[in-house]
Amino acid sequence: MINEKDEKVDVSKRMLFKRAVAAVGVVATAGVAKTLTTAPTDSDKSKNRARYESEARQQERVMLQKRYVVMTDDEKKQMVNEILKNHYQELA
């Protein structure tokens, strides 16, 4: 024997479940739509790749032009002293 109150509870649970499923469907559809509308095109990808390769070549040219000179022990001591001096000034 089914009680009227139990029947109302079952109906409300079903409605809640249906609404939850509908909400998930709407959110999923919105996510797919956003992905499709904001996805980079092939021309954007090729532009980004070209820009990246250009920047990499520029950086490589700069690094090839640099000449590294080994520091003497006196220069190293002087640099450490300057760093420590600045550090202690910040603490004061």
PDB file of N, CA and C in Angstrom:
ATOM      1  N   MET A   1       0.834  -1.168   0.000  1.00  0.00           N
ATOM      2  CA  MET A   1       0.000   0.000   0.000  1.00  0.00           C
ATOM      3  C   MET A   1       0.890   1.247   0.000  1.00  0.00           C
ATOM      4  N   ILE A   2       0.755   2.092  -1.030  1.00  0.00           N
ATOM      5  CA  ILE A   2       1.579   3.290  -1.180  1.00  0.00           C
ATOM      6  C   ILE A   2       0.853   4.464  -0.559  1.00  0.00           C
ATOM      7  N   ASN A   3       1.555   5.132   0.250  1.00  0.00           N
ATOM      8  CA  ASN A   3       1.042   6.307   0.945  1.00  0.00           C
ATOM      9  C   ASN A   3       1.147   7.515   0.012  1.00  0.00           C
ATOM     10  N   GLU A   4       0.216   8.441   0.124  1.00  0.00           N
ATOM     11  CA  GLU A   4       0.232   9.636  -0.714  1.00  0.00           C
ATOM     12  C   GLU A   4       1.473  10.481  -0.445  1.00  0.00           C
ATOM     13  N   LYS A   5       1.892  10.529   0.790  1.00  0.00           N
ATOM     14  CA  LYS A   5       3.072  11.303   1.182  1.00  0.00           C
ATOM     15  C   LYS A   5       4.325  10.702   0.538  1.00  0.00           C
ATOM     16  N   ASP A   6       4.426   9.361   0.545  1.00  0.00           N
ATOM     17  CA  ASP A   6       5.570   8.693  -0.081  1.00  0.00           C
ATOM     18  C   ASP A   6       5.605   8.955  -1.574  1.00  0.00           C
ATOM     19  N   GLU A   7       4.442   9.010  -2.193  1.00  0.00           N
ATOM     20  CA  GLU A   7       4.355   9.265  -3.622  1.00  0.00           C
ATOM     21  C   GLU A   7       4.848  10.676  -3.948  1.00  0.00           C
ATOM     22  N   LYS A   8       4.506  11.653  -3.122  1.00  0.00           N
ATOM     23  CA  LYS A   8       4.954  13.033  -3.334  1.00  0.00           C
ATOM     24  C   LYS A   8       6.469  13.122  -3.173  1.00  0.00           C
ATOM     25  N   VAL A   9       7.009  12.398  -2.235  1.00  0.00           N
ATOM     26  CA  VAL A   9       8.453  12.404  -2.032  1.00  0.00           C
ATOM     27  C   VAL A   9       9.148  11.815  -3.253  1.00  0.00           C
ATOM     28  N   ASP A  10       8.645  10.712  -3.774  1.00  0.00           N
ATOM     29  CA  ASP A  10       9.238  10.105  -4.954  1.00  0.00           C
ATOM     30  C   ASP A  10       9.184  11.043  -6.147  1.00  0.00           C
ATOM     31  N   VAL A  11       8.063  11.737  -6.325  1.00  0.00           N
ATOM     32  CA  VAL A  11       7.915  12.669  -7.437  1.00  0.00           C
ATOM     33  C   VAL A  11       8.893  13.825  -7.285  1.00  0.00           C
ATOM     34  N   SER A  12       9.017  14.367  -6.073  1.00  0.00           N
ATOM     35  CA  SER A  12       9.925  15.499  -5.879  1.00  0.00           C
ATOM     36  C   SER A  12      11.374  15.066  -6.076  1.00  0.00           C
ATOM     37  N   LYS A  13      11.719  13.835  -5.662  1.00  0.00           N
ATOM     38  CA  LYS A  13      13.074  13.342  -5.887  1.00  0.00           C
ATOM     39  C   LYS A  13      13.354  13.185  -7.377  1.00  0.00           C
ATOM     40  N   ARG A  14      12.361  12.686  -8.117  1.00  0.00           N
ATOM     41  CA  ARG A  14      12.525  12.528  -9.563  1.00  0.00           C
ATOM     42  C   ARG A  14      12.704  13.890 -10.237  1.00  0.00           C
ATOM     43  N   MET A  15      11.906  14.860  -9.802  1.00  0.00           N
ATOM     44  CA  MET A  15      12.008  16.202 -10.394  1.00  0.00           C
ATOM     45  C   MET A  15      13.378  16.811 -10.097  1.00  0.00           C
ATOM     46  N   LEU A  16      13.860  16.623  -8.871  1.00  0.00           N
ATOM     47  CA  LEU A  16      15.173  17.136  -8.507  1.00  0.00           C
ATOM     48  C   LEU A  16      16.252  16.485  -9.377  1.00  0.00           C
ATOM     49  N   PHE A  17      16.143  15.179  -9.550  1.00  0.00           N
ATOM     50  CA  PHE A  17      17.105  14.455 -10.370  1.00  0.00           C
ATOM     51  C   PHE A  17      17.056  14.929 -11.825  1.00  0.00           C
ATOM     52  N   LYS A  18      15.844  15.116 -12.350  1.00  0.00           N
ATOM     53  CA  LYS A  18      15.693  15.583 -13.728  1.00  0.00           C
ATOM     54  C   LYS A  18      16.292  16.974 -13.894  1.00  0.00           C
ATOM     55  N   ARG A  19      16.041  17.831 -12.923  1.00  0.00           N
ATOM     56  CA  ARG A  19      16.598  19.191 -13.004  1.00  0.00           C
ATOM     57  C   ARG A  19      18.118  19.170 -12.911  1.00  0.00           C
ATOM     58  N   ALA A  20      18.638  18.319 -12.062  1.00  0.00           N
ATOM     59  CA  ALA A  20      20.097  18.219 -11.934  1.00  0.00           C
ATOM     60  C   ALA A  20      20.719  17.732 -13.238  1.00  0.00           C
ATOM     61  N   VAL A  21      20.104  16.724 -13.856  1.00  0.00           N
ATOM     62  CA  VAL A  21      20.614  16.213 -15.133  1.00  0.00           C
ATOM     63  C   VAL A  21      20.529  17.296 -16.206  1.00  0.00           C
ATOM     64  N   ALA A  22      19.447  18.040 -16.213  1.00  0.00           N
ATOM     65  CA  ALA A  22      19.296  19.125 -17.195  1.00  0.00           C
ATOM     66  C   ALA A  22      20.357  20.197 -16.971  1.00  0.00           C
ATOM     67  N   ALA A  23      20.631  20.527 -15.713  1.00  0.00           N
ATOM     68  CA  ALA A  23      21.644  21.546 -15.412  1.00  0.00           C
ATOM     69  C   ALA A  23      23.024  21.084 -15.865  1.00  0.00           C
ATOM     70  N   VAL A  24      23.334  19.824 -15.625  1.00  0.00           N
ATOM     71  CA  VAL A  24      24.621  19.290 -16.067  1.00  0.00           C
ATOM     72  C   VAL A  24      24.721  19.343 -17.587  1.00  0.00           C
ATOM     73  N   GLY A  25      23.630  19.038 -18.266  1.00  0.00           N
ATOM     74  CA  GLY A  25      23.620  19.102 -19.729  1.00  0.00           C
ATOM     75  C   GLY A  25      23.849  20.510 -20.238  1.00  0.00           C
ATOM     76  N   VAL A  26      23.220  21.486 -19.594  1.00  0.00           N
ATOM     77  CA  VAL A  26      23.382  22.883 -20.004  1.00  0.00           C
ATOM     78  C   VAL A  26      24.824  23.331 -19.781  1.00  0.00           C
ATOM     79  N   VAL A  27      25.387  22.989 -18.642  1.00  0.00           N
ATOM     80  CA  VAL A  27      26.768  23.383 -18.347  1.00  0.00           C
ATOM     81  C   VAL A  27      27.736  22.720 -19.328  1.00  0.00           C
ATOM     82  N   ALA A  28      27.516  21.454 -19.622  1.00  0.00           N
ATOM     83  CA  ALA A  28      28.395  20.758 -20.566  1.00  0.00           C
ATOM     84  C   ALA A  28      28.299  21.366 -21.957  1.00  0.00           C
ATOM     85  N   THR A  29      27.095  21.700 -22.385  1.00  0.00           N
ATOM     86  CA  THR A  29      26.901  22.315 -23.702  1.00  0.00           C
ATOM     87  C   THR A  29      27.586  23.672 -23.761  1.00  0.00           C
ATOM     88  N   ALA A  30      27.460  24.443 -22.686  1.00  0.00           N
ATOM     89  CA  ALA A  30      28.119  25.752 -22.653  1.00  0.00           C
ATOM     90  C   ALA A  30      29.634  25.601 -22.709  1.00  0.00           C
ATOM     91  N   GLY A  31      30.161  24.597 -22.029  1.00  0.00           N
ATOM     92  CA  GLY A  31      31.602  24.363 -22.059  1.00  0.00           C
ATOM     93  C   GLY A  31      32.095  23.993 -23.436  1.00  0.00           C
ATOM     94  N   VAL A  32      31.361  23.139 -24.119  1.00  0.00           N
ATOM     95  CA  VAL A  32      31.735  22.744 -25.483  1.00  0.00           C
ATOM     96  C   VAL A  32      31.661  23.942 -26.421  1.00  0.00           C
ATOM     97  N   ALA A  33      30.616  24.741 -26.278  1.00  0.00           N
ATOM     98  CA  ALA A  33      30.467  25.919 -27.137  1.00  0.00           C
ATOM     99  C   ALA A  33      31.617  26.898 -26.919  1.00  0.00           C
ATOM    100  N   LYS A  34      31.999  27.101 -25.669  1.00  0.00           N
ATOM    101  CA  LYS A  34      33.107  28.014 -25.387  1.00  0.00           C
ATOM    102  C   LYS A  34      34.406  27.483 -25.978  1.00  0.00           C
ATOM    103  N   THR A  35      34.633  26.191 -25.847  1.00  0.00           N
ATOM    104  CA  THR A  35      35.843  25.589 -26.397  1.00  0.00           C
ATOM    105  C   THR A  35      35.903  25.751 -27.909  1.00  0.00           C
ATOM    106  N   LEU A  36      34.786  25.554 -28.557  1.00  0.00           N
ATOM    107  CA  LEU A  36      34.768  25.666 -30.017  1.00  0.00           C
ATOM    108  C   LEU A  36      34.960  27.103 -30.479  1.00  0.00           C
ATOM    109  N   THR A  37      34.390  28.058 -29.769  1.00  0.00           N
ATOM    110  CA  THR A  37      34.484  29.449 -30.203  1.00  0.00           C
ATOM    111  C   THR A  37      35.827  30.068 -29.861  1.00  0.00           C
ATOM    112  N   THR A  38      36.509  29.564 -28.820  1.00  0.00           N
ATOM    113  CA  THR A  38      37.786  30.162 -28.437  1.00  0.00           C
ATOM    114  C   THR A  38      38.986  29.334 -28.865  1.00  0.00           C
ATOM    115  N   ALA A  39      38.780  28.228 -29.541  1.00  0.00           N
ATOM    116  CA  ALA A  39      39.891  27.385 -29.981  1.00  0.00           C
ATOM    117  C   ALA A  39      40.723  28.133 -31.018  1.00  0.00           C
ATOM    118  N   PRO A  40      42.061  28.082 -30.867  1.00  0.00           N
ATOM    119  CA  PRO A  40      42.903  28.781 -31.836  1.00  0.00           C
ATOM    120  C   PRO A  40      42.811  28.134 -33.215  1.00  0.00           C
ATOM    121  N   THR A  41      42.831  28.972 -34.216  1.00  0.00           N
ATOM    122  CA  THR A  41      42.782  28.464 -35.584  1.00  0.00           C
ATOM    123  C   THR A  41      44.179  28.047 -36.018  1.00  0.00           C
ATOM    124  N   ASP A  42      44.259  27.391 -37.152  1.00  0.00           N
ATOM    125  CA  ASP A  42      45.562  26.957 -37.659  1.00  0.00           C
ATOM    126  C   ASP A  42      46.464  28.147 -37.947  1.00  0.00           C
ATOM    127  N   SER A  43      45.879  29.252 -38.439  1.00  0.00           N
ATOM    128  CA  SER A  43      46.703  30.425 -38.730  1.00  0.00           C
ATOM    129  C   SER A  43      47.256  31.029 -37.440  1.00  0.00           C
ATOM    130  N   ASP A  44      46.452  30.999 -36.344  1.00  0.00           N
ATOM    131  CA  ASP A  44      46.945  31.490 -35.056  1.00  0.00           C
ATOM    132  C   ASP A  44      48.099  30.620 -34.568  1.00  0.00           C
ATOM    133  N   LYS A  45      47.956  29.308 -34.727  1.00  0.00           N
ATOM    134  CA  LYS A  45      49.012  28.391 -34.299  1.00  0.00           C
ATOM    135  C   LYS A  45      50.294  28.634 -35.082  1.00  0.00           C
ATOM    136  N   SER A  46      50.163  28.839 -36.390  1.00  0.00           N
ATOM    137  CA  SER A  46      51.360  29.053 -37.202  1.00  0.00           C
ATOM    138  C   SER A  46      52.000  30.406 -36.882  1.00  0.00           C
ATOM    139  N   LYS A  47      51.178  31.417 -36.585  1.00  0.00           N
ATOM    140  CA  LYS A  47      51.724  32.721 -36.190  1.00  0.00           C
ATOM    141  C   LYS A  47      52.478  32.603 -34.873  1.00  0.00           C
ATOM    142  N   ASN A  48      51.889  31.890 -33.914  1.00  0.00           N
ATOM    143  CA  ASN A  48      52.555  31.710 -32.622  1.00  0.00           C
ATOM    144  C   ASN A  48      53.855  30.937 -32.774  1.00  0.00           C
ATOM    145  N   ARG A  49      53.855  29.910 -33.607  1.00  0.00           N
ATOM    146  CA  ARG A  49      55.060  29.126 -33.835  1.00  0.00           C
ATOM    147  C   ARG A  49      56.133  29.996 -34.489  1.00  0.00           C
ATOM    148  N   ALA A  50      55.755  30.802 -35.463  1.00  0.00           N
ATOM    149  CA  ALA A  50      56.715  31.674 -36.141  1.00  0.00           C
ATOM    150  C   ALA A  50      57.288  32.704 -35.176  1.00  0.00           C
ATOM    151  N   ARG A  51      56.432  33.268 -34.323  1.00  0.00           N
ATOM    152  CA  ARG A  51      56.890  34.248 -33.337  1.00  0.00           C
ATOM    153  C   ARG A  51      57.869  33.596 -32.359  1.00  0.00           C
ATOM    154  N   TYR A  52      57.536  32.390 -31.913  1.00  0.00           N
ATOM    155  CA  TYR A  52      58.416  31.678 -30.987  1.00  0.00           C
ATOM    156  C   TYR A  52      59.775  31.398 -31.625  1.00  0.00           C
ATOM    157  N   GLU A  53      59.763  30.930 -32.865  1.00  0.00           N
ATOM    158  CA  GLU A  53      61.020  30.622 -33.549  1.00  0.00           C
ATOM    159  C   GLU A  53      61.846  31.883 -33.769  1.00  0.00           C
ATOM    160  N   SER A  54      61.190  32.998 -34.076  1.00  0.00           N
ATOM    161  CA  SER A  54      61.889  34.265 -34.263  1.00  0.00           C
ATOM    162  C   SER A  54      62.558  34.713 -32.961  1.00  0.00           C
ATOM    163  N   GLU A  55      61.824  34.631 -31.866  1.00  0.00           N
ATOM    164  CA  GLU A  55      62.392  35.023 -30.580  1.00  0.00           C
ATOM    165  C   GLU A  55      63.549  34.109 -30.186  1.00  0.00           C
ATOM    166  N   ALA A  56      63.428  32.828 -30.468  1.00  0.00           N
ATOM    167  CA  ALA A  56      64.500  31.881 -30.146  1.00  0.00           C
ATOM    168  C   ALA A  56      65.760  32.205 -30.941  1.00  0.00           C
ATOM    169  N   ARG A  57      65.593  32.547 -32.226  1.00  0.00           N
ATOM    170  CA  ARG A  57      66.758  32.922 -33.045  1.00  0.00           C
ATOM    171  C   ARG A  57      67.410  34.195 -32.517  1.00  0.00           C
ATOM    172  N   GLN A  58      66.594  35.189 -32.126  1.00  0.00           N
ATOM    173  CA  GLN A  58      67.145  36.430 -31.588  1.00  0.00           C
ATOM    174  C   GLN A  58      67.938  36.173 -30.313  1.00  0.00           C
ATOM    175  N   GLN A  59      67.398  35.348 -29.432  1.00  0.00           N
ATOM    176  CA  GLN A  59      68.101  35.041 -28.189  1.00  0.00           C
ATOM    177  C   GLN A  59      69.399  34.297 -28.454  1.00  0.00           C
ATOM    178  N   GLU A  60      69.378  33.399 -29.413  1.00  0.00           N
ATOM    179  CA  GLU A  60      70.591  32.656 -29.740  1.00  0.00           C
ATOM    180  C   GLU A  60      71.667  33.589 -30.287  1.00  0.00           C
ATOM    181  N   ARG A  61      71.271  34.549 -31.141  1.00  0.00           N
ATOM    182  CA  ARG A  61      72.235  35.519 -31.671  1.00  0.00           C
ATOM    183  C   ARG A  61      72.853  36.338 -30.548  1.00  0.00           C
ATOM    184  N   VAL A  62      72.042  36.772 -29.597  1.00  0.00           N
ATOM    185  CA  VAL A  62      72.551  37.569 -28.481  1.00  0.00           C
ATOM    186  C   VAL A  62      73.547  36.750 -27.665  1.00  0.00           C
ATOM    187  N   MET A  63      73.193  35.501 -27.385  1.00  0.00           N
ATOM    188  CA  MET A  63      74.079  34.663 -26.576  1.00  0.00           C
ATOM    189  C   MET A  63      75.387  34.362 -27.296  1.00  0.00           C
ATOM    190  N   LEU A  64      75.363  34.234 -28.621  1.00  0.00           N
ATOM    191  CA  LEU A  64      76.587  33.958 -29.371  1.00  0.00           C
ATOM    192  C   LEU A  64      77.529  35.158 -29.376  1.00  0.00           C
ATOM    193  N   GLN A  65      76.980  36.358 -29.255  1.00  0.00           N
ATOM    194  CA  GLN A  65      77.800  37.568 -29.271  1.00  0.00           C
ATOM    195  C   GLN A  65      78.459  37.847 -27.923  1.00  0.00           C
ATOM    196  N   LYS A  66      77.949  37.241 -26.871  1.00  0.00           N
ATOM    197  CA  LYS A  66      78.492  37.508 -25.545  1.00  0.00           C
ATOM    198  C   LYS A  66      79.829  36.795 -25.372  1.00  0.00           C
ATOM    199  N   ARG A  67      80.721  37.488 -24.697  1.00  0.00           N
ATOM    200  CA  ARG A  67      82.020  36.917 -24.369  1.00  0.00           C
ATOM    201  C   ARG A  67      82.115  36.875 -22.850  1.00  0.00           C
ATOM    202  N   TYR A  68      82.370  35.715 -22.334  1.00  0.00           N
ATOM    203  CA  TYR A  68      82.467  35.567 -20.892  1.00  0.00           C
ATOM    204  C   TYR A  68      83.923  35.680 -20.460  1.00  0.00           C
ATOM    205  N   VAL A  69      84.119  36.471 -19.415  1.00  0.00           N
ATOM    206  CA  VAL A  69      85.456  36.668 -18.881  1.00  0.00           C
ATOM    207  C   VAL A  69      85.448  36.139 -17.450  1.00  0.00           C
ATOM    208  N   VAL A  70      86.426  35.329 -17.148  1.00  0.00           N
ATOM    209  CA  VAL A  70      86.514  34.756 -15.813  1.00  0.00           C
ATOM    210  C   VAL A  70      86.918  35.858 -14.829  1.00  0.00           C
ATOM    211  N   MET A  71      86.205  35.905 -13.696  1.00  0.00           N
ATOM    212  CA  MET A  71      86.510  36.918 -12.682  1.00  0.00           C
ATOM    213  C   MET A  71      87.739  36.507 -11.882  1.00  0.00           C
ATOM    214  N   THR A  72      88.500  37.510 -11.492  1.00  0.00           N
ATOM    215  CA  THR A  72      89.642  37.235 -10.619  1.00  0.00           C
ATOM    216  C   THR A  72      89.129  37.052  -9.194  1.00  0.00           C
ATOM    217  N   ASP A  73      89.985  36.547  -8.335  1.00  0.00           N
ATOM    218  CA  ASP A  73      89.594  36.358  -6.937  1.00  0.00           C
ATOM    219  C   ASP A  73      89.280  37.691  -6.268  1.00  0.00           C
ATOM    220  N   ASP A  74      90.041  38.734  -6.614  1.00  0.00           N
ATOM    221  CA  ASP A  74      89.786  40.060  -6.018  1.00  0.00           C
ATOM    222  C   ASP A  74      88.417  40.588  -6.453  1.00  0.00           C
ATOM    223  N   GLU A  75      88.059  40.388  -7.724  1.00  0.00           N
ATOM    224  CA  GLU A  75      86.742  40.830  -8.202  1.00  0.00           C
ATOM    225  C   GLU A  75      85.623  40.066  -7.503  1.00  0.00           C
ATOM    226  N   LYS A  76      85.836  38.782  -7.285  1.00  0.00           N
ATOM    227  CA  LYS A  76      84.830  37.985  -6.578  1.00  0.00           C
ATOM    228  C   LYS A  76      84.641  38.487  -5.156  1.00  0.00           C
ATOM    229  N   LYS A  77      85.752  38.751  -4.465  1.00  0.00           N
ATOM    230  CA  LYS A  77      85.666  39.253  -3.087  1.00  0.00           C
ATOM    231  C   LYS A  77      84.960  40.597  -3.053  1.00  0.00           C
ATOM    232  N   GLN A  78      85.295  41.471  -4.002  1.00  0.00           N
ATOM    233  CA  GLN A  78      84.670  42.791  -4.062  1.00  0.00           C
ATOM    234  C   GLN A  78      83.157  42.668  -4.282  1.00  0.00           C
ATOM    235  N   MET A  79      82.741  41.770  -5.164  1.00  0.00           N
ATOM    236  CA  MET A  79      81.323  41.596  -5.436  1.00  0.00           C
ATOM    237  C   MET A  79      80.590  41.032  -4.210  1.00  0.00           C
ATOM    238  N   VAL A  80      81.200  40.074  -3.531  1.00  0.00           N
ATOM    239  CA  VAL A  80      80.586  39.523  -2.319  1.00  0.00           C
ATOM    240  C   VAL A  80      80.454  40.603  -1.266  1.00  0.00           C
ATOM    241  N   ASN A  81      81.485  41.429  -1.124  1.00  0.00           N
ATOM    242  CA  ASN A  81      81.424  42.520  -0.146  1.00  0.00           C
ATOM    243  C   ASN A  81      80.311  43.508  -0.480  1.00  0.00           C
ATOM    244  N   GLU A  82      80.122  43.825  -1.742  1.00  0.00           N
ATOM    245  CA  GLU A  82      79.038  44.735  -2.144  1.00  0.00           C
ATOM    246  C   GLU A  82      77.674  44.129  -1.836  1.00  0.00           C
ATOM    247  N   ILE A  83      77.530  42.841  -2.113  1.00  0.00           N
ATOM    248  CA  ILE A  83      76.247  42.169  -1.839  1.00  0.00           C
ATOM    249  C   ILE A  83      75.959  42.194  -0.347  1.00  0.00           C
ATOM    250  N   LEU A  84      76.970  41.849   0.456  1.00  0.00           N
ATOM    251  CA  LEU A  84      76.765  41.846   1.911  1.00  0.00           C
ATOM    252  C   LEU A  84      76.487  43.252   2.436  1.00  0.00           C
ATOM    253  N   LYS A  85      77.188  44.243   1.901  1.00  0.00           N
ATOM    254  CA  LYS A  85      76.975  45.635   2.326  1.00  0.00           C
ATOM    255  C   LYS A  85      75.534  46.048   2.046  1.00  0.00           C
ATOM    256  N   ASN A  86      75.025  45.741   0.844  1.00  0.00           N
ATOM    257  CA  ASN A  86      73.645  46.081   0.503  1.00  0.00           C
ATOM    258  C   ASN A  86      72.656  45.319   1.381  1.00  0.00           C
ATOM    259  N   HIS A  87      72.982  44.081   1.676  1.00  0.00           N
ATOM    260  CA  HIS A  87      72.102  43.267   2.529  1.00  0.00           C
ATOM    261  C   HIS A  87      72.009  43.864   3.927  1.00  0.00           C
ATOM    262  N   TYR A  88      73.152  44.237   4.492  1.00  0.00           N
ATOM    263  CA  TYR A  88      73.129  44.796   5.841  1.00  0.00           C
ATOM    264  C   TYR A  88      72.457  46.168   5.885  1.00  0.00           C
ATOM    265  N   GLN A  89      72.557  46.933   4.785  1.00  0.00           N
ATOM    266  CA  GLN A  89      71.864  48.227   4.728  1.00  0.00           C
ATOM    267  C   GLN A  89      70.349  48.031   4.720  1.00  0.00           C
ATOM    268  N   GLU A  90      69.868  47.005   4.047  1.00  0.00           N
ATOM    269  CA  GLU A  90      68.437  46.714   4.008  1.00  0.00           C
ATOM    270  C   GLU A  90      67.934  46.284   5.379  1.00  0.00           C
ATOM    271  N   LEU A  91      68.767  45.573   6.130  1.00  0.00           N
ATOM    272  CA  LEU A  91      68.353  45.119   7.466  1.00  0.00           C
ATOM    273  C   LEU A  91      68.325  46.262   8.467  1.00  0.00           C
ATOM    274  N   ALA A  92      69.169  47.278   8.257  1.00  0.00           N
ATOM    275  CA  ALA A  92      69.258  48.395   9.223  1.00  0.00           C
ATOM    276  C   ALA A  92      68.060  49.314   9.141  1.00  0.00           C
TER     277      ALA A  92
END
